[in-house]
């Protein structure tokens, strides 16, 4: 309770709601995808378990949330570049539904990070460019939107756009 977004200071719940709203606009969105979008960070950020999610909203939502949960956050696995490469390879193999949700997550995070922390944005955008290159099975319209937001962010941090 009381969590705040790192770069905006807004209540944290704004982020999953924004991700879910973006997913809900996709023609192929299902109720399970929208629920998973709302819950996409809970396994990383709370004591909630996949079993808790399954008991409350069903197995498909729990599976999607597990697919969206970063599996390589342990610092003992290696440096950031190594962990992100492992996670990128994993995300390239998740379901199209999970990839669609991940595109929406990337869109919302990119907008926030570029607007508020251009130094970190350089690292973040390079990582997300590599991710979008290999994560190609989700909704193609939303993937194109994610590419657009990423490229706009890159232009902003280069000083081409404000």
Foldseek 3Di string as FASTA:
>chain_A
DQDADPFPRHRPQVLLQQLLVQLVVDPPRDPLLSLLSSVLCDVVPHPDALVNCCVPPHDSNSLLSVLSYQPQPPCVVDDPVVSLVVSLVSLLPDAQSSLLSVLSSLLVVLVRCLVGPLVVSVVVLVSVVSSLVRNPRYDPVSSVVSVVSSVVSVCVSVVNDD
